[in-house]
Amino acid sequence: MDICVKKKQADLGTAGAVLEAGHGRELAGRVVLDYDARCLRRKRLVTDAGDGFLVDLPQAVSLPAGAAFALADGRAVEVVEAREQVLLIRGDLPRLAWHIGNRHCPCEMAGDHLVIRADPVLEAMLKQMGAGITRSFAPFHPEGGAYGHGRTFGHSH
């Protein structure tokens, strides 16, 4: 008879701050978060090793590439950007970007293409407008709002 012994997962405590890339702290683990999940204020997360911790920040943040959560014990939990379904868009970029923005769709801009999260309705519309579309899996980094870097949460910042 085989007996499966499950390792007890740790509770890493509470993370009350976000650290920038290159923070130099010992890592307690990693969490893989997609674009939507990288915007948070208070949430219980689980590392890729199964260890839980509470994120309790003073205000909602949009986590940049390379960010980490600062744990109360001095260690950090690294944030890894998940690869998600995206569309790479080529063509008349100013025109295509205008139509994407007119639908309030987050959009990442590069010199020769645009990137949006996969959406069959937008994909059909853009193809109808002559866009070249390539489906891909990649971390998603859309442009921030007009009033600041990253996501914006109103006009009072």
N, C-alpha and C. Protein backbone atom coordinates (compact mmCIF):
# COMPACT_ATOMS: atom_id res chain seq x y z
N MET A 1 0.84 -1.18 0.00
CA MET A 1 0.00 0.00 0.00
C MET A 1 0.89 1.24 0.00
N ASP A 2 0.67 2.08 -0.97
CA ASP A 2 1.43 3.32 -1.06
C ASP A 2 0.78 4.39 -0.20
N ILE A 3 1.60 5.07 0.56
CA ILE A 3 1.11 6.18 1.37
C ILE A 3 1.72 7.45 0.82
N CYS A 4 0.84 8.36 0.45
CA CYS A 4 1.29 9.65 -0.10
C CYS A 4 1.41 10.64 1.05
N VAL A 5 2.58 11.15 1.24
CA VAL A 5 2.80 12.16 2.28
C VAL A 5 2.85 13.52 1.61
N LYS A 6 1.91 14.36 1.96
CA LYS A 6 1.85 15.69 1.37
C LYS A 6 2.61 16.67 2.25
N LYS A 7 3.50 17.42 1.63
CA LYS A 7 4.26 18.44 2.35
C LYS A 7 3.30 19.53 2.82
N LYS A 8 3.41 19.89 4.08
CA LYS A 8 2.59 20.98 4.60
C LYS A 8 3.09 22.29 3.98
N GLN A 9 2.17 23.03 3.40
CA GLN A 9 2.53 24.29 2.77
C GLN A 9 2.65 25.38 3.83
N ALA A 10 3.52 26.30 3.60
CA ALA A 10 3.79 27.37 4.56
C ALA A 10 2.84 28.55 4.36
N ASP A 11 2.61 29.26 5.44
CA ASP A 11 1.93 30.54 5.38
C ASP A 11 3.03 31.58 5.49
N LEU A 12 3.25 32.33 4.44
CA LEU A 12 4.35 33.29 4.40
C LEU A 12 4.02 34.61 5.10
N GLY A 13 2.81 34.75 5.59
CA GLY A 13 2.46 35.98 6.29
C GLY A 13 1.84 37.02 5.37
N THR A 14 2.18 38.27 5.62
CA THR A 14 1.57 39.39 4.90
C THR A 14 2.63 40.20 4.15
N ALA A 15 2.27 40.59 2.94
CA ALA A 15 3.10 41.51 2.14
C ALA A 15 2.41 42.86 2.16
N GLY A 16 3.10 43.87 2.67
CA GLY A 16 2.51 45.19 2.79
C GLY A 16 3.09 46.24 1.87
N ALA A 17 4.01 45.83 0.99
CA ALA A 17 4.63 46.79 0.08
C ALA A 17 5.08 46.07 -1.19
N VAL A 18 5.29 46.85 -2.23
CA VAL A 18 5.80 46.34 -3.51
C VAL A 18 7.23 46.83 -3.69
N LEU A 19 8.10 45.94 -4.09
CA LEU A 19 9.50 46.26 -4.35
C LEU A 19 9.74 46.33 -5.85
N GLU A 20 10.69 47.17 -6.25
CA GLU A 20 11.06 47.26 -7.66
C GLU A 20 12.00 46.13 -8.03
N ALA A 21 12.17 45.92 -9.32
CA ALA A 21 13.11 44.91 -9.82
C ALA A 21 14.50 45.20 -9.26
N GLY A 22 15.26 44.16 -8.98
CA GLY A 22 16.60 44.33 -8.46
C GLY A 22 16.64 44.65 -6.98
N HIS A 23 15.61 44.31 -6.25
CA HIS A 23 15.49 44.64 -4.82
C HIS A 23 16.57 43.98 -3.96
N GLY A 24 17.10 42.84 -4.35
CA GLY A 24 18.18 42.20 -3.62
C GLY A 24 17.77 41.39 -2.40
N ARG A 25 16.49 41.23 -2.15
CA ARG A 25 16.05 40.45 -0.99
C ARG A 25 16.03 38.96 -1.32
N GLU A 26 16.15 38.16 -0.27
CA GLU A 26 16.01 36.71 -0.42
C GLU A 26 14.58 36.42 -0.88
N LEU A 27 14.45 35.48 -1.83
CA LEU A 27 13.12 35.13 -2.34
C LEU A 27 12.50 34.01 -1.53
N ALA A 28 11.23 34.20 -1.18
CA ALA A 28 10.46 33.17 -0.50
C ALA A 28 9.62 32.38 -1.50
N GLY A 29 9.55 32.85 -2.75
CA GLY A 29 8.76 32.18 -3.77
C GLY A 29 8.44 33.10 -4.93
N ARG A 30 7.60 32.57 -5.81
CA ARG A 30 7.18 33.32 -7.01
C ARG A 30 5.68 33.14 -7.20
N VAL A 31 5.04 34.18 -7.71
CA VAL A 31 3.64 34.07 -8.12
C VAL A 31 3.57 34.47 -9.59
N VAL A 32 2.80 33.72 -10.35
CA VAL A 32 2.63 34.00 -11.77
C VAL A 32 1.25 34.63 -11.94
N LEU A 33 1.22 35.89 -12.43
CA LEU A 33 -0.02 36.65 -12.53
C LEU A 33 -0.21 37.19 -13.93
N ASP A 34 -1.44 37.09 -14.46
CA ASP A 34 -1.73 37.68 -15.76
C ASP A 34 -1.99 39.19 -15.58
N TYR A 35 -2.29 39.87 -16.68
CA TYR A 35 -2.47 41.33 -16.65
C TYR A 35 -3.53 41.75 -15.64
N ASP A 36 -4.69 41.10 -15.65
CA ASP A 36 -5.75 41.48 -14.72
C ASP A 36 -5.34 41.25 -13.27
N ALA A 37 -4.69 40.14 -13.00
CA ALA A 37 -4.31 39.79 -11.63
C ALA A 37 -3.18 40.67 -11.10
N ARG A 38 -2.43 41.34 -12.00
CA ARG A 38 -1.34 42.22 -11.56
C ARG A 38 -1.84 43.58 -11.07
N CYS A 39 -3.15 43.77 -11.06
CA CYS A 39 -3.75 44.98 -10.49
C CYS A 39 -4.50 44.55 -9.23
N LEU A 40 -3.99 44.95 -8.07
CA LEU A 40 -4.60 44.51 -6.82
C LEU A 40 -4.24 45.42 -5.67
N ARG A 41 -5.00 45.27 -4.60
CA ARG A 41 -4.69 45.95 -3.34
C ARG A 41 -4.66 44.94 -2.20
N ARG A 42 -5.69 44.14 -2.10
CA ARG A 42 -5.76 43.16 -1.00
C ARG A 42 -6.26 41.85 -1.56
N LYS A 43 -5.42 40.82 -1.44
CA LYS A 43 -5.79 39.52 -1.99
C LYS A 43 -4.89 38.44 -1.42
N ARG A 44 -5.42 37.26 -1.23
CA ARG A 44 -4.62 36.11 -0.81
C ARG A 44 -4.08 35.45 -2.07
N LEU A 45 -2.76 35.26 -2.11
CA LEU A 45 -2.11 34.63 -3.26
C LEU A 45 -1.38 33.38 -2.81
N VAL A 46 -1.09 32.51 -3.77
CA VAL A 46 -0.36 31.27 -3.50
C VAL A 46 0.82 31.21 -4.46
N THR A 47 2.00 30.92 -3.93
CA THR A 47 3.20 30.83 -4.77
C THR A 47 3.15 29.58 -5.63
N ASP A 48 4.08 29.49 -6.58
CA ASP A 48 4.14 28.31 -7.44
C ASP A 48 4.51 27.05 -6.65
N ALA A 49 5.02 27.20 -5.42
CA ALA A 49 5.32 26.06 -4.55
C ALA A 49 4.14 25.73 -3.62
N GLY A 50 3.06 26.51 -3.71
CA GLY A 50 1.88 26.25 -2.90
C GLY A 50 1.83 26.96 -1.56
N ASP A 51 2.76 27.86 -1.30
CA ASP A 51 2.78 28.61 -0.04
C ASP A 51 1.90 29.85 -0.17
N GLY A 52 1.04 30.08 0.82
CA GLY A 52 0.11 31.20 0.75
C GLY A 52 0.62 32.43 1.48
N PHE A 53 0.12 33.59 1.06
CA PHE A 53 0.40 34.86 1.75
C PHE A 53 -0.68 35.85 1.39
N LEU A 54 -0.83 36.84 2.24
CA LEU A 54 -1.81 37.89 2.04
C LEU A 54 -1.11 39.14 1.52
N VAL A 55 -1.62 39.70 0.43
CA VAL A 55 -1.17 41.01 -0.04
C VAL A 55 -2.13 42.02 0.56
N ASP A 56 -1.60 42.99 1.29
CA ASP A 56 -2.42 44.03 1.91
C ASP A 56 -1.69 45.35 1.73
N LEU A 57 -1.96 46.01 0.62
CA LEU A 57 -1.28 47.25 0.25
C LEU A 57 -2.13 48.46 0.62
N PRO A 58 -1.52 49.62 0.83
CA PRO A 58 -2.28 50.82 1.19
C PRO A 58 -3.25 51.28 0.11
N GLN A 59 -2.92 51.00 -1.15
CA GLN A 59 -3.80 51.38 -2.26
C GLN A 59 -3.59 50.40 -3.40
N ALA A 60 -4.54 50.38 -4.33
CA ALA A 60 -4.42 49.49 -5.49
C ALA A 60 -3.22 49.89 -6.34
N VAL A 61 -2.52 48.89 -6.84
CA VAL A 61 -1.37 49.14 -7.70
C VAL A 61 -1.46 48.26 -8.94
N SER A 62 -0.80 48.69 -9.98
CA SER A 62 -0.59 47.90 -11.18
C SER A 62 0.87 47.49 -11.16
N LEU A 63 1.13 46.22 -10.98
CA LEU A 63 2.50 45.74 -10.78
C LEU A 63 3.30 45.78 -12.07
N PRO A 64 4.45 46.45 -12.07
CA PRO A 64 5.30 46.50 -13.26
C PRO A 64 6.14 45.23 -13.39
N ALA A 65 6.76 45.06 -14.53
CA ALA A 65 7.65 43.92 -14.76
C ALA A 65 8.75 43.91 -13.71
N GLY A 66 9.02 42.74 -13.16
CA GLY A 66 10.11 42.60 -12.19
C GLY A 66 9.76 42.94 -10.76
N ALA A 67 8.51 43.33 -10.51
CA ALA A 67 8.11 43.70 -9.15
C ALA A 67 8.13 42.49 -8.22
N ALA A 68 8.12 42.76 -6.92
CA ALA A 68 8.05 41.71 -5.92
C ALA A 68 7.25 42.24 -4.73
N PHE A 69 6.67 41.33 -3.98
CA PHE A 69 5.98 41.69 -2.76
C PHE A 69 6.95 41.58 -1.59
N ALA A 70 6.99 42.59 -0.73
CA ALA A 70 7.86 42.59 0.46
C ALA A 70 7.10 41.93 1.61
N LEU A 71 7.62 40.80 2.08
CA LEU A 71 7.02 40.11 3.21
C LEU A 71 7.50 40.73 4.53
N ALA A 72 6.73 40.56 5.58
CA ALA A 72 7.06 41.12 6.89
C ALA A 72 8.37 40.57 7.44
N ASP A 73 8.75 39.34 7.03
CA ASP A 73 9.99 38.74 7.56
C ASP A 73 11.24 39.19 6.81
N GLY A 74 11.11 40.12 5.86
CA GLY A 74 12.26 40.65 5.13
C GLY A 74 12.51 39.97 3.79
N ARG A 75 11.84 38.87 3.52
CA ARG A 75 11.99 38.21 2.23
C ARG A 75 11.01 38.80 1.23
N ALA A 76 11.06 38.30 0.01
CA ALA A 76 10.19 38.82 -1.04
C ALA A 76 9.59 37.67 -1.84
N VAL A 77 8.44 37.94 -2.45
CA VAL A 77 7.82 37.02 -3.39
C VAL A 77 7.84 37.70 -4.75
N GLU A 78 8.54 37.09 -5.68
CA GLU A 78 8.71 37.64 -7.03
C GLU A 78 7.43 37.49 -7.83
N VAL A 79 7.08 38.53 -8.58
CA VAL A 79 5.93 38.50 -9.47
C VAL A 79 6.44 38.18 -10.87
N VAL A 80 5.92 37.10 -11.43
CA VAL A 80 6.26 36.70 -12.80
C VAL A 80 5.02 36.92 -13.66
N GLU A 81 5.22 37.60 -14.76
CA GLU A 81 4.10 37.88 -15.66
C GLU A 81 3.73 36.63 -16.44
N ALA A 82 2.46 36.27 -16.35
CA ALA A 82 1.97 35.10 -17.06
C ALA A 82 1.92 35.36 -18.56
N ARG A 83 2.17 34.32 -19.29
CA ARG A 83 1.94 34.38 -20.73
C ARG A 83 0.45 34.17 -20.94
N GLU A 84 -0.15 35.03 -21.75
CA GLU A 84 -1.58 34.91 -22.00
C GLU A 84 -1.87 35.03 -23.49
N GLN A 85 -3.06 34.64 -23.88
CA GLN A 85 -3.42 34.70 -25.30
C GLN A 85 -3.52 36.15 -25.73
N VAL A 86 -2.74 36.50 -26.73
CA VAL A 86 -2.75 37.86 -27.27
C VAL A 86 -2.83 37.80 -28.80
N LEU A 87 -3.17 38.93 -29.38
CA LEU A 87 -3.19 39.09 -30.83
C LEU A 87 -2.13 40.12 -31.21
N LEU A 88 -1.24 39.77 -32.13
CA LEU A 88 -0.28 40.70 -32.70
C LEU A 88 -0.92 41.26 -33.96
N ILE A 89 -0.98 42.57 -34.05
CA ILE A 89 -1.73 43.24 -35.11
C ILE A 89 -0.78 44.08 -35.95
N ARG A 90 -0.84 43.86 -37.27
CA ARG A 90 -0.02 44.64 -38.21
C ARG A 90 -0.93 45.26 -39.26
N GLY A 91 -0.48 46.37 -39.79
CA GLY A 91 -1.25 47.05 -40.82
C GLY A 91 -1.14 48.55 -40.63
N ASP A 92 -2.23 49.26 -40.94
CA ASP A 92 -2.29 50.71 -40.78
C ASP A 92 -2.44 51.02 -39.29
N LEU A 93 -1.31 51.05 -38.57
CA LEU A 93 -1.34 51.09 -37.11
C LEU A 93 -2.08 52.29 -36.51
N PRO A 94 -1.90 53.51 -37.03
CA PRO A 94 -2.65 54.63 -36.42
C PRO A 94 -4.17 54.41 -36.51
N ARG A 95 -4.63 53.96 -37.66
CA ARG A 95 -6.07 53.72 -37.84
C ARG A 95 -6.54 52.57 -36.95
N LEU A 96 -5.80 51.48 -36.93
CA LEU A 96 -6.18 50.32 -36.12
C LEU A 96 -6.14 50.67 -34.62
N ALA A 97 -5.12 51.42 -34.21
CA ALA A 97 -5.02 51.83 -32.81
C ALA A 97 -6.19 52.72 -32.41
N TRP A 98 -6.62 53.60 -33.31
CA TRP A 98 -7.76 54.45 -33.01
C TRP A 98 -9.00 53.61 -32.74
N HIS A 99 -9.26 52.61 -33.59
CA HIS A 99 -10.45 51.77 -33.42
C HIS A 99 -10.36 50.91 -32.16
N ILE A 100 -9.18 50.43 -31.82
CA ILE A 100 -8.99 49.66 -30.58
C ILE A 100 -9.25 50.58 -29.39
N GLY A 101 -8.67 51.78 -29.39
CA GLY A 101 -8.87 52.74 -28.31
C GLY A 101 -10.30 53.21 -28.19
N ASN A 102 -10.98 53.33 -29.32
CA ASN A 102 -12.37 53.76 -29.32
C ASN A 102 -13.25 52.74 -28.59
N ARG A 103 -12.78 51.52 -28.48
CA ARG A 103 -13.49 50.47 -27.75
C ARG A 103 -12.93 50.27 -26.34
N HIS A 104 -12.08 51.20 -25.90
CA HIS A 104 -11.48 51.20 -24.57
C HIS A 104 -10.80 49.87 -24.24
N CYS A 105 -10.14 49.33 -25.23
CA CYS A 105 -9.44 48.06 -25.09
C CYS A 105 -7.97 48.33 -24.76
N PRO A 106 -7.44 47.77 -23.69
CA PRO A 106 -6.01 47.95 -23.40
C PRO A 106 -5.17 47.47 -24.59
N CYS A 107 -4.14 48.24 -24.92
CA CYS A 107 -3.34 47.95 -26.11
C CYS A 107 -1.87 48.23 -25.84
N GLU A 108 -1.04 47.29 -26.23
CA GLU A 108 0.41 47.43 -26.15
C GLU A 108 0.89 47.88 -27.53
N MET A 109 1.78 48.85 -27.56
CA MET A 109 2.25 49.39 -28.84
C MET A 109 3.73 49.16 -29.03
N ALA A 110 4.08 48.64 -30.20
CA ALA A 110 5.48 48.46 -30.59
C ALA A 110 5.66 49.21 -31.91
N GLY A 111 6.87 49.32 -32.37
CA GLY A 111 7.13 50.08 -33.59
C GLY A 111 6.43 49.54 -34.82
N ASP A 112 6.29 48.23 -34.92
CA ASP A 112 5.72 47.65 -36.14
C ASP A 112 4.46 46.83 -35.90
N HIS A 113 3.93 46.83 -34.67
CA HIS A 113 2.70 46.09 -34.41
C HIS A 113 2.05 46.57 -33.11
N LEU A 114 0.80 46.18 -32.94
CA LEU A 114 0.04 46.41 -31.72
C LEU A 114 -0.24 45.05 -31.09
N VAL A 115 -0.51 45.05 -29.79
CA VAL A 115 -0.85 43.80 -29.10
C VAL A 115 -2.07 44.06 -28.24
N ILE A 116 -3.07 43.19 -28.38
CA ILE A 116 -4.23 43.21 -27.49
C ILE A 116 -4.46 41.80 -26.98
N ARG A 117 -5.21 41.67 -25.90
CA ARG A 117 -5.59 40.34 -25.44
C ARG A 117 -6.53 39.74 -26.47
N ALA A 118 -6.45 38.43 -26.62
CA ALA A 118 -7.29 37.74 -27.60
C ALA A 118 -8.76 38.03 -27.35
N ASP A 119 -9.44 38.45 -28.40
CA ASP A 119 -10.86 38.76 -28.34
C ASP A 119 -11.43 38.48 -29.73
N PRO A 120 -12.31 37.50 -29.88
CA PRO A 120 -12.79 37.13 -31.22
C PRO A 120 -13.56 38.24 -31.93
N VAL A 121 -14.28 39.07 -31.18
CA VAL A 121 -15.05 40.15 -31.81
C VAL A 121 -14.09 41.21 -32.37
N LEU A 122 -13.10 41.62 -31.56
CA LEU A 122 -12.12 42.60 -32.05
C LEU A 122 -11.28 42.01 -33.17
N GLU A 123 -10.92 40.74 -33.06
CA GLU A 123 -10.14 40.10 -34.11
C GLU A 123 -10.88 40.15 -35.45
N ALA A 124 -12.16 39.83 -35.45
CA ALA A 124 -12.96 39.87 -36.68
C ALA A 124 -13.05 41.29 -37.23
N MET A 125 -13.27 42.27 -36.35
CA MET A 125 -13.37 43.67 -36.77
C MET A 125 -12.05 44.12 -37.41
N LEU A 126 -10.93 43.82 -36.76
CA LEU A 126 -9.63 44.25 -37.26
C LEU A 126 -9.28 43.57 -38.59
N LYS A 127 -9.61 42.31 -38.72
CA LYS A 127 -9.38 41.61 -40.00
C LYS A 127 -10.20 42.25 -41.10
N GLN A 128 -11.44 42.62 -40.78
CA GLN A 128 -12.32 43.26 -41.76
C GLN A 128 -11.73 44.61 -42.20
N MET A 129 -10.93 45.23 -41.33
CA MET A 129 -10.30 46.50 -41.65
C MET A 129 -8.95 46.30 -42.35
N GLY A 130 -8.59 45.06 -42.65
CA GLY A 130 -7.36 44.78 -43.37
C GLY A 130 -6.14 44.49 -42.51
N ALA A 131 -6.33 44.33 -41.22
CA ALA A 131 -5.20 44.06 -40.33
C ALA A 131 -4.70 42.63 -40.52
N GLY A 132 -3.39 42.49 -40.38
CA GLY A 132 -2.79 41.16 -40.30
C GLY A 132 -2.76 40.76 -38.83
N ILE A 133 -3.29 39.60 -38.50
CA ILE A 133 -3.40 39.16 -37.11
C ILE A 133 -2.62 37.86 -36.93
N THR A 134 -1.79 37.82 -35.89
CA THR A 134 -1.10 36.60 -35.50
C THR A 134 -1.45 36.32 -34.05
N ARG A 135 -1.93 35.12 -33.79
CA ARG A 135 -2.22 34.72 -32.41
C ARG A 135 -0.92 34.29 -31.74
N SER A 136 -0.79 34.64 -30.45
CA SER A 136 0.43 34.32 -29.73
C SER A 136 0.14 34.17 -28.24
N PHE A 137 1.14 33.72 -27.49
CA PHE A 137 1.11 33.69 -26.03
C PHE A 137 2.30 34.52 -25.56
N ALA A 138 2.02 35.55 -24.76
CA ALA A 138 3.09 36.42 -24.28
C ALA A 138 2.59 37.21 -23.07
N PRO A 139 3.51 37.71 -22.23
CA PRO A 139 3.08 38.65 -21.19
C PRO A 139 2.48 39.89 -21.86
N PHE A 140 1.48 40.48 -21.25
CA PHE A 140 0.77 41.61 -21.83
C PHE A 140 1.11 42.88 -21.06
N HIS A 141 1.61 43.90 -21.78
CA HIS A 141 2.04 45.18 -21.18
C HIS A 141 1.39 46.35 -21.92
N PRO A 142 0.11 46.61 -21.73
CA PRO A 142 -0.52 47.71 -22.46
C PRO A 142 -0.05 49.07 -21.99
N GLU A 143 -0.30 50.06 -22.82
CA GLU A 143 0.02 51.44 -22.50
C GLU A 143 -0.77 51.90 -21.29
N GLY A 144 -0.20 52.83 -20.52
CA GLY A 144 -0.90 53.41 -19.38
C GLY A 144 -1.88 54.47 -19.85
N GLY A 145 -2.59 55.02 -18.92
CA GLY A 145 -3.56 56.07 -19.23
C GLY A 145 -2.88 57.41 -19.47
N ALA A 146 -3.67 58.36 -19.89
CA ALA A 146 -3.16 59.69 -20.22
C ALA A 146 -2.70 60.46 -18.99
N TYR A 147 -3.10 60.01 -17.79
CA TYR A 147 -2.80 60.77 -16.58
C TYR A 147 -1.68 60.17 -15.74
N GLY A 148 -0.99 59.18 -16.26
CA GLY A 148 0.08 58.60 -15.48
C GLY A 148 0.61 57.34 -16.13
N HIS A 149 1.57 56.71 -15.47
CA HIS A 149 2.15 55.48 -15.99
C HIS A 149 1.35 54.30 -15.47
N GLY A 150 1.34 53.23 -16.23
CA GLY A 150 0.58 52.05 -15.83
C GLY A 150 -0.90 52.32 -15.89
N ARG A 151 -1.67 51.54 -15.20
CA ARG A 151 -3.13 51.75 -15.17
C ARG A 151 -3.41 52.98 -14.33
N THR A 152 -4.48 53.65 -14.66
CA THR A 152 -4.85 54.81 -13.87
C THR A 152 -6.18 54.53 -13.20
N PHE A 153 -6.39 55.12 -12.04
CA PHE A 153 -7.55 54.85 -11.22
C PHE A 153 -8.34 56.12 -10.99
N GLY A 154 -8.63 56.87 -12.03
CA GLY A 154 -9.34 58.13 -11.87
C GLY A 154 -8.39 59.28 -12.19
N HIS A 155 -8.88 60.49 -12.00
CA HIS A 155 -8.12 61.67 -12.38
C HIS A 155 -7.54 62.44 -11.21
N SER A 156 -7.66 61.92 -9.99
CA SER A 156 -7.23 62.69 -8.82
C SER A 156 -5.81 62.39 -8.38
N HIS A 157 -5.03 61.59 -9.13
CA HIS A 157 -3.68 61.28 -8.71
C HIS A 157 -2.77 62.41 -9.10
